[in-house]
Amino acid sequence: MTAAPTSATVTAALTLKPAAPEHFDLAFTATTQPCPWPKAYGGDLVAQAAAAAMRSVTDGKSLHSMHSYFLRPADIGAEVRYEVEVVRDGRGYSTRQVRGYQNGKALYVCLANFAAGEPGGSFHAEPAGEIPAPETLPSSAEYLAERTGGTMTDESKAYWRGGRGFDMRHVPGPVYLTVDGERSPHQAVWVKPFDALRAVEGLTDVQRDLAALAYVCDYTILEPVLRVLGLAWADPGLVTASLDHAMWFHRPAETADWLLYAQEAVAADAGRGLGTGRFFTREGRHLATVVQEGMIRPA
């Protein structure tokens, strides 16, 4: 009997252990999660750095932006040491630099900014167009049940079906084996943890949910670029890698219900592609915005 998919992968990734700093003010270690590729998932690094930065801010400020660079690939199932530099603590805003180290080398760096919050006007963008409800769409497991092809193995199929901690439902269809739907620069993905996220030591539930958004955002952010180029994940010889990443958190994250991740390809040239994404609640409340550039190297 196959075990039911679980969100434990996400909270395992967010679980940090305090460590002795070697370069900056604070340090933590975290472990990258299993995946069927030669290198660890980039969302591990973004989310773990977010968790490390949040654990260094103790005056109630909230993380509102992160700007990251991926310097080297990370080993799978291995510890990364995150060193946190306390760059500034002000009354309204605080800034942290976080560097991830593995095998004695820096592999990730980000600046993270925190805000105390203050009264002001409020506005949020709306999702464009009508999007089918997630309950009307096939899950990844249902979509892949009878499909094979390309470089997909049993291991990668199992990972896409249930190994990522989140149920993901694409509009139009996925780009796992082929480009399902038009070669359009737009797509949307409904995302929801397979089950309720577990508590994470050192993080409040609000901080955990925010870090969970940082975790899941990297899985599909380059897919609109693949879609418009007519590429699928299982195409023989395709190589992709995250290069840099920015994320803004406009409102507290919510993961108890489905979130709509509306995405767009902005540019593709010279072996790189840029994608944007916005997270909305089911009711259309805009929670966060993502921009990422990645290497896209077809066969």
Protein backbone atom coordinates (compact mmCIF):
# COMPACT_ATOMS: atom_id res chain seq x y z
CA MET A 1 0.00 0.00 0.00
CA THR A 2 1.42 3.41 -0.98
CA ALA A 3 1.65 5.94 1.85
CA ALA A 4 -0.54 9.02 1.51
CA PRO A 5 1.32 12.17 0.43
CA THR A 6 2.29 14.45 3.31
CA SER A 7 3.51 17.99 3.85
CA ALA A 8 6.19 16.75 6.27
CA THR A 9 8.82 17.43 3.59
CA VAL A 10 8.14 21.16 3.92
CA THR A 11 8.40 21.40 7.69
CA ALA A 12 11.44 19.11 7.70
CA ALA A 13 13.15 21.56 5.35
CA LEU A 14 12.26 24.48 7.64
CA THR A 15 13.63 22.81 10.78
CA LEU A 16 16.89 24.52 11.76
CA LYS A 17 19.48 23.68 14.39
CA PRO A 18 21.52 26.44 16.05
CA ALA A 19 25.23 26.22 15.24
CA ALA A 20 28.42 28.07 16.09
CA PRO A 21 28.91 30.96 13.63
CA GLU A 22 32.16 31.01 11.67
CA HIS A 23 31.71 34.25 9.70
CA PHE A 24 28.80 36.37 10.99
CA ASP A 25 26.58 36.84 14.05
CA LEU A 26 24.35 33.76 14.15
CA ALA A 27 24.33 30.38 12.44
CA PHE A 28 21.93 27.51 11.86
CA THR A 29 22.09 24.23 9.96
CA ALA A 30 19.33 22.67 7.88
CA THR A 31 19.09 19.65 5.61
CA THR A 32 18.09 19.70 1.94
CA GLN A 33 15.22 17.36 1.15
CA PRO A 34 15.21 14.31 -1.16
CA CYS A 35 14.57 14.86 -4.86
CA PRO A 36 15.32 12.79 -8.00
CA TRP A 37 17.66 15.30 -9.66
CA PRO A 38 21.45 15.72 -9.48
CA LYS A 39 21.16 18.78 -7.19
CA ALA A 40 18.97 19.89 -4.32
CA TYR A 41 15.78 21.86 -4.87
CA GLY A 42 16.39 25.63 -4.84
CA GLY A 43 13.32 26.30 -2.71
CA ASP A 44 15.07 24.50 0.15
CA LEU A 45 17.70 27.23 0.20
CA VAL A 46 15.28 30.16 -0.07
CA ALA A 47 12.97 28.84 2.64
CA GLN A 48 15.76 27.80 4.99
CA ALA A 49 17.44 31.20 4.63
CA ALA A 50 14.09 32.87 5.30
CA ALA A 51 13.67 30.78 8.46
CA ALA A 52 17.22 31.61 9.60
CA ALA A 53 16.67 35.33 9.00
CA MET A 54 13.32 35.29 10.83
CA ARG A 55 14.85 33.54 13.83
CA SER A 56 17.37 36.38 14.11
CA VAL A 57 14.70 39.11 14.41
CA THR A 58 13.14 39.11 17.85
CA ASP A 59 11.28 42.43 18.07
CA GLY A 60 8.14 41.43 16.16
CA LYS A 61 9.03 42.77 12.72
CA SER A 62 7.79 40.73 9.74
CA LEU A 63 9.80 39.61 6.73
CA HIS A 64 8.65 41.67 3.76
CA SER A 65 11.29 40.99 1.08
CA MET A 66 14.16 38.69 0.10
CA HIS A 67 16.68 39.06 -2.73
CA SER A 68 18.74 35.94 -3.42
CA TYR A 69 21.49 34.54 -5.62
CA PHE A 70 22.19 30.84 -6.16
CA LEU A 71 25.97 30.50 -6.43
CA ARG A 72 26.54 26.73 -6.54
CA PRO A 73 24.38 23.59 -6.56
CA ALA A 74 23.65 22.05 -3.16
CA ASP A 75 24.03 18.37 -2.32
CA ILE A 76 20.84 16.45 -1.66
CA GLY A 77 20.12 15.23 1.87
CA ALA A 78 23.08 17.12 3.27
CA GLU A 79 23.44 19.92 5.79
CA VAL A 80 23.76 23.54 4.74
CA ARG A 81 25.08 26.03 7.31
CA TYR A 82 23.31 29.39 7.18
CA GLU A 83 25.27 32.31 8.61
CA VAL A 84 23.21 35.39 9.48
CA GLU A 85 24.71 38.87 9.61
CA VAL A 86 22.78 41.47 11.59
CA VAL A 87 23.24 44.33 9.11
CA ARG A 88 20.85 46.80 10.74
CA ASP A 89 18.13 47.04 13.36
CA GLY A 90 16.03 50.20 13.23
CA ARG A 91 12.71 51.18 14.72
CA GLY A 92 10.79 50.58 11.49
CA TYR A 93 12.99 48.22 9.49
CA SER A 94 15.72 45.61 10.00
CA THR A 95 18.07 44.01 7.48
CA ARG A 96 19.85 40.66 7.50
CA GLN A 97 22.33 39.05 5.15
CA VAL A 98 22.23 35.25 5.01
CA ARG A 99 24.84 33.04 3.38
CA GLY A 100 24.52 29.31 2.92
CA TYR A 101 27.67 27.17 3.06
CA GLN A 102 28.23 23.55 2.12
CA ASN A 103 31.48 21.66 1.67
CA GLY A 104 33.38 24.75 2.79
CA LYS A 105 32.02 26.97 0.00
CA ALA A 106 29.29 29.60 -0.22
CA LEU A 107 26.42 28.33 -2.39
CA TYR A 108 23.65 30.82 -1.63
CA VAL A 109 23.39 34.44 -0.47
CA CYS A 110 20.45 36.72 0.22
CA LEU A 111 19.47 40.02 1.77
CA ALA A 112 16.26 39.92 3.81
CA ASN A 113 14.37 42.95 5.06
CA PHE A 114 11.86 43.16 7.92
CA ALA A 115 9.22 45.79 8.68
CA ALA A 116 7.41 46.79 11.87
CA GLY A 117 4.37 47.92 9.87
CA GLU A 118 2.47 51.18 10.18
CA PRO A 119 -0.87 52.70 9.18
CA GLY A 120 -1.29 53.46 5.48
CA GLY A 121 -3.47 52.90 2.46
CA SER A 122 -4.26 49.41 1.22
CA PHE A 123 -4.54 48.00 -2.31
CA HIS A 124 -4.00 44.65 -3.94
CA ALA A 125 -3.99 43.44 -7.52
CA GLU A 126 -6.64 41.00 -8.69
CA PRO A 127 -6.08 37.72 -10.54
CA ALA A 128 -6.58 38.16 -14.28
CA GLY A 129 -9.46 36.26 -15.84
CA GLU A 130 -11.55 33.35 -14.64
CA ILE A 131 -9.56 30.42 -13.22
CA PRO A 132 -11.22 27.02 -12.74
CA ALA A 133 -11.59 25.97 -9.11
CA PRO A 134 -8.91 23.55 -7.87
CA GLU A 135 -11.50 20.86 -7.10
CA THR A 136 -12.35 20.69 -10.82
CA LEU A 137 -8.75 20.06 -11.89
CA PRO A 138 -6.69 16.85 -11.80
CA SER A 139 -3.96 16.54 -9.20
CA SER A 140 -0.44 15.77 -10.39
CA ALA A 141 -1.00 12.17 -9.33
CA GLU A 142 -4.19 11.89 -11.36
CA TYR A 143 -2.64 13.60 -14.38
CA LEU A 144 0.41 11.31 -14.39
CA ALA A 145 -1.40 8.08 -13.50
CA GLU A 146 -1.41 6.61 -17.02
CA ARG A 147 1.30 8.74 -18.62
CA THR A 148 4.92 7.92 -19.38
CA GLY A 149 7.62 9.34 -21.61
CA GLY A 150 10.77 11.36 -21.98
CA THR A 151 13.26 11.17 -19.15
CA MET A 152 10.58 10.55 -16.52
CA THR A 153 11.52 7.65 -14.24
CA ASP A 154 9.45 5.92 -11.57
CA GLU A 155 11.33 8.01 -9.01
CA SER A 156 10.66 11.35 -10.72
CA LYS A 157 7.04 10.38 -11.34
CA ALA A 158 6.57 9.60 -7.64
CA TYR A 159 8.19 12.92 -6.73
CA TRP A 160 5.91 14.91 -9.04
CA ARG A 161 2.89 13.01 -7.77
CA GLY A 162 3.45 13.44 -4.04
CA GLY A 163 7.03 14.13 -2.99
CA ARG A 164 7.00 17.92 -2.94
CA GLY A 165 4.76 18.44 0.09
CA PHE A 166 2.12 20.40 -1.87
CA ASP A 167 -0.76 19.31 -4.07
CA MET A 168 -0.36 21.26 -7.37
CA ARG A 169 -3.03 21.68 -10.03
CA HIS A 170 -2.18 23.44 -13.29
CA VAL A 171 -4.16 25.80 -15.55
CA PRO A 172 -3.76 24.91 -18.39
CA GLY A 173 -2.31 21.42 -17.95
CA PRO A 174 1.22 20.71 -16.64
CA VAL A 175 4.50 20.70 -18.55
CA TYR A 176 5.80 17.45 -17.06
CA LEU A 177 6.01 15.36 -20.25
CA THR A 178 4.70 17.70 -22.93
CA VAL A 179 3.34 21.24 -23.01
CA ASP A 180 -0.28 20.55 -22.16
CA GLY A 181 -2.25 23.49 -23.54
CA GLU A 182 -1.20 26.51 -25.58
CA ARG A 183 2.38 27.75 -25.79
CA SER A 184 1.29 30.80 -23.85
CA PRO A 185 3.49 32.88 -21.51
CA HIS A 186 0.79 32.57 -18.83
CA GLN A 187 -0.14 29.77 -16.47
CA ALA A 188 -1.61 29.35 -13.00
CA VAL A 189 -1.05 26.67 -10.38
CA TRP A 190 -3.30 26.01 -7.41
CA VAL A 191 -1.18 24.90 -4.42
CA LYS A 192 -2.07 23.50 -1.02
CA PRO A 193 -0.15 21.36 1.50
CA PHE A 194 -1.20 17.71 1.36
CA ASP A 195 -2.07 17.98 5.05
CA ALA A 196 -1.85 20.68 7.72
CA LEU A 197 1.67 22.00 8.19
CA ARG A 198 3.29 20.83 11.41
CA ALA A 199 4.74 23.17 14.01
CA VAL A 200 8.35 24.24 13.39
CA GLU A 201 10.55 24.98 16.38
CA GLY A 202 11.70 28.60 16.48
CA LEU A 203 8.98 29.88 14.11
CA THR A 204 5.48 31.07 14.80
CA ASP A 205 2.76 29.54 12.65
CA VAL A 206 2.60 32.78 10.63
CA GLN A 207 6.37 32.68 10.03
CA ARG A 208 6.19 28.97 9.13
CA ASP A 209 3.48 29.62 6.55
CA LEU A 210 5.45 32.51 5.06
CA ALA A 211 8.53 30.28 4.77
CA ALA A 212 6.34 27.58 3.20
CA LEU A 213 5.41 30.02 0.42
CA ALA A 214 9.12 30.68 -0.11
CA TYR A 215 9.61 26.90 -0.28
CA VAL A 216 6.91 26.10 -2.85
CA CYS A 217 7.40 29.13 -5.10
CA ASP A 218 10.48 27.76 -6.89
CA TYR A 219 8.90 24.54 -8.18
CA THR A 220 6.94 26.13 -11.01
CA ILE A 221 8.13 29.73 -11.43
CA LEU A 222 10.10 28.91 -14.61
CA GLU A 223 7.33 26.79 -16.13
CA PRO A 224 5.72 29.68 -18.10
CA VAL A 225 9.11 30.19 -19.78
CA LEU A 226 9.32 26.47 -20.60
CA ARG A 227 5.73 26.59 -21.85
CA VAL A 228 6.26 29.50 -24.24
CA LEU A 229 9.45 27.86 -25.56
CA GLY A 230 7.65 24.53 -26.09
CA LEU A 231 9.82 22.70 -23.54
CA ALA A 232 8.78 20.09 -20.95
CA TRP A 233 10.56 18.92 -17.81
CA ALA A 234 11.04 15.41 -19.20
CA ASP A 235 12.60 16.56 -22.49
CA PRO A 236 15.89 14.66 -22.99
CA GLY A 237 18.89 16.90 -22.37
CA LEU A 238 17.00 19.81 -20.79
CA VAL A 239 18.97 21.43 -17.95
CA THR A 240 17.60 24.20 -15.75
CA ALA A 241 18.93 26.01 -12.69
CA SER A 242 17.81 28.92 -10.54
CA LEU A 243 20.11 31.93 -10.85
CA ASP A 244 18.55 34.70 -8.80
CA HIS A 245 15.29 35.22 -6.99
CA ALA A 246 13.29 38.00 -5.37
CA MET A 247 10.18 37.71 -3.25
CA TRP A 248 7.95 40.29 -1.57
CA PHE A 249 5.49 39.38 1.17
CA HIS A 250 2.59 41.85 1.15
CA ARG A 251 0.36 40.20 3.75
CA PRO A 252 0.55 37.30 6.21
CA ALA A 253 0.71 33.96 4.41
CA GLU A 254 -2.15 31.49 4.68
CA THR A 255 -1.80 27.81 3.81
CA ALA A 256 -4.94 26.25 5.26
CA ASP A 257 -6.79 26.57 1.94
CA TRP A 258 -5.86 26.55 -1.73
CA LEU A 259 -3.66 29.39 -3.00
CA LEU A 260 -3.57 30.51 -6.61
CA TYR A 261 -0.05 31.02 -7.98
CA ALA A 262 -0.55 33.13 -11.13
CA GLN A 263 2.58 33.16 -13.31
CA GLU A 264 3.94 34.82 -16.44
CA ALA A 265 7.02 34.47 -18.63
CA VAL A 266 8.63 37.89 -19.05
CA ALA A 267 11.71 37.18 -21.19
CA ALA A 268 13.80 34.34 -22.59
CA ASP A 269 17.13 34.71 -24.38
CA ALA A 270 20.79 33.72 -24.21
CA GLY A 271 20.05 30.59 -22.18
CA ARG A 272 18.14 32.46 -19.45
CA GLY A 273 14.48 33.00 -18.73
CA LEU A 274 12.64 35.34 -16.37
CA GLY A 275 9.35 34.46 -14.74
CA THR A 276 7.04 36.29 -12.37
CA GLY A 277 4.39 34.94 -10.03
CA ARG A 278 1.78 36.21 -7.60
CA PHE A 279 0.13 34.27 -4.77
CA PHE A 280 -3.57 34.89 -4.14
CA THR A 281 -6.03 33.42 -1.68
CA ARG A 282 -9.07 31.68 -3.10
CA GLU A 283 -10.96 34.94 -2.47
CA GLY A 284 -8.44 36.91 -4.57
CA ARG A 285 -6.37 38.49 -1.78
CA HIS A 286 -2.80 39.13 -3.01
CA LEU A 287 -0.28 37.68 -0.53
CA ALA A 288 3.14 37.66 -2.21
CA THR A 289 5.00 38.37 -5.45
CA VAL A 290 7.92 36.40 -6.91
CA VAL A 291 10.44 37.16 -9.67
CA GLN A 292 13.06 34.62 -10.71
CA GLU A 293 15.63 34.25 -13.46
CA GLY A 294 16.84 30.80 -14.34
CA MET A 295 19.20 29.06 -16.71
CA ILE A 296 17.30 27.15 -19.39
CA ARG A 297 19.52 24.94 -21.53
CA PRO A 298 17.67 22.72 -24.04
CA ALA A 299 19.39 19.71 -25.57
